[in-house]
Amino acid sequence: MLLILIHRSGMRDKGVAQYLKIHPGHLSKIKKDEVLSAKVKAAAAELFGVDVSVFESGMDYALPDLGASEVSEPKGKYERELSREDLISIIGKLVKQ
């Protein structure tokens, strides 16, 4: 949760670490592990304007619904349907190499 809050805030790790009064290297570790002391939870909650409980239960937030068109490769002029014969020809050329 801390990682998400930092990312959403746009703050740099160094500034967050200073506010939380911890070493930037320690911040890097706790962002990954999510093992936060009560003191760090309280300071982070104050910094990001959330309740301390979000670090135990998570935060209700909705991720955008990504349709298939938004996550698939863009269509380019290099794409075309290949026939069975085209595929056999390409494989034959690769095998000869």
N, C-alpha and C. Protein backbone atom coordinates (compact mmCIF):
# COMPACT_ATOMS: atom_id res chain seq x y z
N MET A 1 0.81 -1.18 0.00
CA MET A 1 0.00 0.00 0.00
C MET A 1 0.87 1.26 0.00
N LEU A 2 1.95 1.22 0.74
CA LEU A 2 2.84 2.38 0.79
C LEU A 2 3.38 2.70 -0.60
N LEU A 3 3.75 1.69 -1.34
CA LEU A 3 4.26 1.88 -2.70
C LEU A 3 3.23 2.58 -3.57
N ILE A 4 1.98 2.17 -3.46
CA ILE A 4 0.90 2.77 -4.26
C ILE A 4 0.72 4.24 -3.87
N LEU A 5 0.70 4.51 -2.58
CA LEU A 5 0.52 5.88 -2.11
C LEU A 5 1.66 6.79 -2.57
N ILE A 6 2.88 6.29 -2.49
CA ILE A 6 4.03 7.08 -2.94
C ILE A 6 3.92 7.35 -4.43
N HIS A 7 3.61 6.31 -5.18
CA HIS A 7 3.50 6.45 -6.64
C HIS A 7 2.41 7.46 -7.00
N ARG A 8 1.26 7.35 -6.36
CA ARG A 8 0.15 8.26 -6.67
C ARG A 8 0.46 9.70 -6.27
N SER A 9 1.26 9.89 -5.24
CA SER A 9 1.55 11.24 -4.77
C SER A 9 2.52 11.97 -5.69
N GLY A 10 3.35 11.20 -6.39
CA GLY A 10 4.36 11.81 -7.24
C GLY A 10 5.59 12.26 -6.48
N MET A 11 5.61 11.98 -5.18
CA MET A 11 6.76 12.38 -4.37
C MET A 11 7.96 11.48 -4.64
N ARG A 12 9.13 12.02 -4.44
CA ARG A 12 10.35 11.22 -4.56
C ARG A 12 10.59 10.48 -3.25
N ASP A 13 11.25 9.34 -3.37
CA ASP A 13 11.53 8.52 -2.19
C ASP A 13 12.31 9.29 -1.12
N LYS A 14 13.24 10.12 -1.55
CA LYS A 14 14.06 10.86 -0.59
C LYS A 14 13.19 11.77 0.28
N GLY A 15 12.24 12.46 -0.34
CA GLY A 15 11.35 13.34 0.41
C GLY A 15 10.43 12.57 1.34
N VAL A 16 9.93 11.42 0.87
CA VAL A 16 9.07 10.58 1.71
C VAL A 16 9.87 10.08 2.91
N ALA A 17 11.09 9.61 2.66
CA ALA A 17 11.93 9.08 3.74
C ALA A 17 12.22 10.18 4.77
N GLN A 18 12.48 11.38 4.32
CA GLN A 18 12.74 12.48 5.25
C GLN A 18 11.51 12.74 6.10
N TYR A 19 10.34 12.76 5.49
CA TYR A 19 9.11 13.02 6.25
C TYR A 19 8.85 11.91 7.27
N LEU A 20 9.11 10.66 6.85
CA LEU A 20 8.88 9.53 7.74
C LEU A 20 10.00 9.37 8.76
N LYS A 21 11.07 10.15 8.59
CA LYS A 21 12.25 10.11 9.46
C LYS A 21 12.91 8.73 9.47
N ILE A 22 13.09 8.21 8.24
CA ILE A 22 13.79 6.94 8.06
C ILE A 22 14.80 7.10 6.94
N HIS A 23 15.74 6.19 6.85
CA HIS A 23 16.77 6.20 5.81
C HIS A 23 16.12 5.81 4.48
N PRO A 24 16.50 6.45 3.37
CA PRO A 24 15.93 6.09 2.06
C PRO A 24 16.10 4.60 1.72
N GLY A 25 17.18 3.99 2.16
CA GLY A 25 17.38 2.55 1.93
C GLY A 25 16.35 1.71 2.67
N HIS A 26 16.00 2.16 3.86
CA HIS A 26 14.98 1.46 4.64
C HIS A 26 13.62 1.63 3.99
N LEU A 27 13.35 2.80 3.44
CA LEU A 27 12.09 3.04 2.73
C LEU A 27 11.97 2.09 1.55
N SER A 28 13.06 1.92 0.83
CA SER A 28 13.05 1.00 -0.31
C SER A 28 12.66 -0.41 0.13
N LYS A 29 13.18 -0.84 1.26
CA LYS A 29 12.88 -2.17 1.77
C LYS A 29 11.43 -2.30 2.22
N ILE A 30 10.93 -1.32 2.97
CA ILE A 30 9.57 -1.45 3.49
C ILE A 30 8.51 -1.25 2.40
N LYS A 31 8.88 -0.55 1.32
CA LYS A 31 7.93 -0.43 0.20
C LYS A 31 7.64 -1.81 -0.39
N LYS A 32 8.65 -2.65 -0.42
CA LYS A 32 8.51 -3.99 -0.99
C LYS A 32 7.89 -4.97 0.00
N ASP A 33 8.32 -4.89 1.25
CA ASP A 33 7.90 -5.87 2.26
C ASP A 33 6.58 -5.52 2.93
N GLU A 34 6.24 -4.23 2.97
CA GLU A 34 5.04 -3.75 3.64
C GLU A 34 5.03 -4.04 5.14
N VAL A 35 6.20 -4.19 5.75
CA VAL A 35 6.29 -4.36 7.20
C VAL A 35 6.59 -2.97 7.77
N LEU A 36 5.54 -2.33 8.29
CA LEU A 36 5.68 -0.97 8.78
C LEU A 36 5.51 -0.93 10.29
N SER A 37 6.34 -0.15 10.94
CA SER A 37 6.17 0.05 12.39
C SER A 37 4.97 0.97 12.60
N ALA A 38 4.46 0.99 13.81
CA ALA A 38 3.32 1.86 14.13
C ALA A 38 3.68 3.33 13.89
N LYS A 39 4.92 3.69 14.20
CA LYS A 39 5.38 5.07 14.01
C LYS A 39 5.38 5.45 12.52
N VAL A 40 5.89 4.55 11.68
CA VAL A 40 5.94 4.81 10.24
C VAL A 40 4.53 4.83 9.67
N LYS A 41 3.66 3.92 10.12
CA LYS A 41 2.26 3.91 9.65
C LYS A 41 1.58 5.24 9.96
N ALA A 42 1.77 5.74 11.17
CA ALA A 42 1.15 7.00 11.58
C ALA A 42 1.66 8.16 10.74
N ALA A 43 2.97 8.21 10.54
CA ALA A 43 3.56 9.30 9.75
C ALA A 43 3.12 9.23 8.29
N ALA A 44 3.08 8.02 7.74
CA ALA A 44 2.66 7.85 6.35
C ALA A 44 1.19 8.21 6.18
N ALA A 45 0.36 7.82 7.14
CA ALA A 45 -1.06 8.15 7.09
C ALA A 45 -1.24 9.67 7.09
N GLU A 46 -0.47 10.36 7.91
CA GLU A 46 -0.54 11.82 7.97
C GLU A 46 -0.06 12.43 6.66
N LEU A 47 1.04 11.93 6.15
CA LEU A 47 1.62 12.46 4.91
C LEU A 47 0.67 12.32 3.73
N PHE A 48 0.04 11.17 3.61
CA PHE A 48 -0.80 10.90 2.44
C PHE A 48 -2.28 11.16 2.69
N GLY A 49 -2.63 11.59 3.90
CA GLY A 49 -4.01 11.93 4.18
C GLY A 49 -4.97 10.74 4.17
N VAL A 50 -4.48 9.60 4.68
CA VAL A 50 -5.31 8.40 4.75
C VAL A 50 -5.38 7.93 6.20
N ASP A 51 -6.30 7.03 6.46
CA ASP A 51 -6.40 6.45 7.79
C ASP A 51 -5.33 5.38 7.96
N VAL A 52 -4.83 5.23 9.14
CA VAL A 52 -3.79 4.23 9.44
C VAL A 52 -4.25 2.82 9.05
N SER A 53 -5.54 2.58 9.12
CA SER A 53 -6.07 1.24 8.83
C SER A 53 -5.82 0.79 7.39
N VAL A 54 -5.54 1.72 6.47
CA VAL A 54 -5.29 1.29 5.09
C VAL A 54 -4.04 0.42 5.00
N PHE A 55 -3.15 0.55 5.96
CA PHE A 55 -1.93 -0.26 5.92
C PHE A 55 -2.18 -1.67 6.44
N GLU A 56 -3.31 -1.91 7.07
CA GLU A 56 -3.68 -3.26 7.48
C GLU A 56 -4.67 -3.89 6.49
N SER A 57 -5.67 -3.11 6.10
CA SER A 57 -6.76 -3.67 5.30
C SER A 57 -6.68 -3.32 3.84
N GLY A 58 -5.83 -2.42 3.47
CA GLY A 58 -5.78 -1.97 2.09
C GLY A 58 -6.76 -0.83 1.88
N MET A 59 -6.80 -0.36 0.68
CA MET A 59 -7.64 0.79 0.38
C MET A 59 -8.60 0.39 -0.72
N ASP A 60 -9.84 0.81 -0.63
CA ASP A 60 -10.80 0.53 -1.69
C ASP A 60 -10.54 1.51 -2.82
N TYR A 61 -10.09 0.99 -3.92
CA TYR A 61 -9.91 1.81 -5.10
C TYR A 61 -10.18 0.95 -6.31
N ALA A 62 -10.69 1.57 -7.33
CA ALA A 62 -11.05 0.83 -8.54
C ALA A 62 -9.96 1.02 -9.58
N LEU A 63 -9.56 -0.06 -10.16
CA LEU A 63 -8.63 0.00 -11.26
C LEU A 63 -9.41 0.22 -12.54
N PRO A 64 -8.87 0.92 -13.49
CA PRO A 64 -9.60 1.14 -14.74
C PRO A 64 -9.85 -0.18 -15.45
N ASP A 65 -10.99 -0.27 -16.08
CA ASP A 65 -11.33 -1.46 -16.84
C ASP A 65 -10.63 -1.38 -18.18
N LEU A 66 -9.65 -2.22 -18.37
CA LEU A 66 -8.91 -2.21 -19.63
C LEU A 66 -9.51 -3.24 -20.57
N GLY A 67 -10.05 -2.74 -21.65
CA GLY A 67 -10.60 -3.65 -22.65
C GLY A 67 -9.48 -4.28 -23.45
N ALA A 68 -9.81 -5.28 -24.22
CA ALA A 68 -8.80 -6.00 -25.00
C ALA A 68 -8.06 -5.06 -25.95
N SER A 69 -8.74 -4.07 -26.49
CA SER A 69 -8.08 -3.16 -27.43
C SER A 69 -7.04 -2.28 -26.74
N GLU A 70 -7.20 -2.05 -25.44
CA GLU A 70 -6.26 -1.19 -24.74
C GLU A 70 -5.01 -1.92 -24.28
N VAL A 71 -5.04 -3.23 -24.25
CA VAL A 71 -3.87 -3.97 -23.79
C VAL A 71 -3.23 -4.80 -24.88
N SER A 72 -3.81 -4.81 -26.08
CA SER A 72 -3.24 -5.59 -27.16
C SER A 72 -2.25 -4.74 -27.95
N GLU A 73 -1.46 -5.39 -28.74
CA GLU A 73 -0.50 -4.69 -29.58
C GLU A 73 -1.24 -3.79 -30.56
N PRO A 74 -0.68 -2.63 -30.85
CA PRO A 74 -1.33 -1.77 -31.84
C PRO A 74 -1.24 -2.39 -33.23
N LYS A 75 -2.25 -2.15 -34.01
CA LYS A 75 -2.25 -2.66 -35.38
C LYS A 75 -1.31 -1.79 -36.20
N GLY A 76 -0.43 -2.40 -36.91
CA GLY A 76 0.51 -1.66 -37.74
C GLY A 76 0.50 -2.21 -39.15
N LYS A 77 1.17 -1.51 -40.05
CA LYS A 77 1.16 -1.96 -41.43
C LYS A 77 1.93 -3.26 -41.61
N TYR A 78 2.73 -3.66 -40.62
CA TYR A 78 3.47 -4.91 -40.70
C TYR A 78 2.61 -6.12 -40.40
N GLU A 79 1.43 -5.88 -39.83
CA GLU A 79 0.57 -7.00 -39.46
C GLU A 79 -0.34 -7.37 -40.62
N ARG A 80 -0.47 -8.64 -40.84
CA ARG A 80 -1.43 -9.14 -41.82
C ARG A 80 -1.72 -10.58 -41.47
N GLU A 81 -2.82 -11.06 -41.98
CA GLU A 81 -3.16 -12.46 -41.75
C GLU A 81 -2.24 -13.34 -42.59
N LEU A 82 -1.70 -14.36 -42.00
CA LEU A 82 -0.86 -15.29 -42.73
C LEU A 82 -1.65 -16.56 -43.03
N SER A 83 -1.51 -16.99 -44.24
CA SER A 83 -2.17 -18.24 -44.61
C SER A 83 -1.30 -19.40 -44.16
N ARG A 84 -1.85 -20.55 -44.23
CA ARG A 84 -1.11 -21.77 -43.88
C ARG A 84 0.13 -21.91 -44.76
N GLU A 85 -0.04 -21.60 -46.03
CA GLU A 85 1.07 -21.70 -46.99
C GLU A 85 2.18 -20.71 -46.66
N ASP A 86 1.77 -19.50 -46.25
CA ASP A 86 2.76 -18.49 -45.85
C ASP A 86 3.59 -18.97 -44.66
N LEU A 87 2.91 -19.54 -43.67
CA LEU A 87 3.60 -20.04 -42.49
C LEU A 87 4.56 -21.17 -42.84
N ILE A 88 4.13 -22.10 -43.68
CA ILE A 88 4.99 -23.21 -44.11
C ILE A 88 6.21 -22.66 -44.85
N SER A 89 6.00 -21.69 -45.69
CA SER A 89 7.11 -21.08 -46.42
C SER A 89 8.12 -20.41 -45.48
N ILE A 90 7.62 -19.68 -44.52
CA ILE A 90 8.49 -19.00 -43.56
C ILE A 90 9.26 -20.02 -42.73
N ILE A 91 8.61 -21.05 -42.26
CA ILE A 91 9.27 -22.08 -41.47
C ILE A 91 10.32 -22.79 -42.31
N GLY A 92 10.01 -23.05 -43.57
CA GLY A 92 10.97 -23.70 -44.47
C GLY A 92 12.22 -22.86 -44.63
N LYS A 93 12.05 -21.55 -44.77
CA LYS A 93 13.20 -20.66 -44.93
C LYS A 93 14.04 -20.62 -43.66
N LEU A 94 13.37 -20.65 -42.52
CA LEU A 94 14.10 -20.64 -41.25
C LEU A 94 14.89 -21.92 -41.03
N VAL A 95 14.31 -23.03 -41.41
CA VAL A 95 14.97 -24.32 -41.25
C VAL A 95 16.21 -24.40 -42.13
N LYS A 96 16.14 -23.83 -43.33
CA LYS A 96 17.28 -23.87 -44.26
C LYS A 96 18.44 -23.01 -43.77
N GLN A 97 18.15 -22.04 -42.90
CA GLN A 97 19.22 -21.16 -42.42
C GLN A 97 20.04 -21.91 -41.46
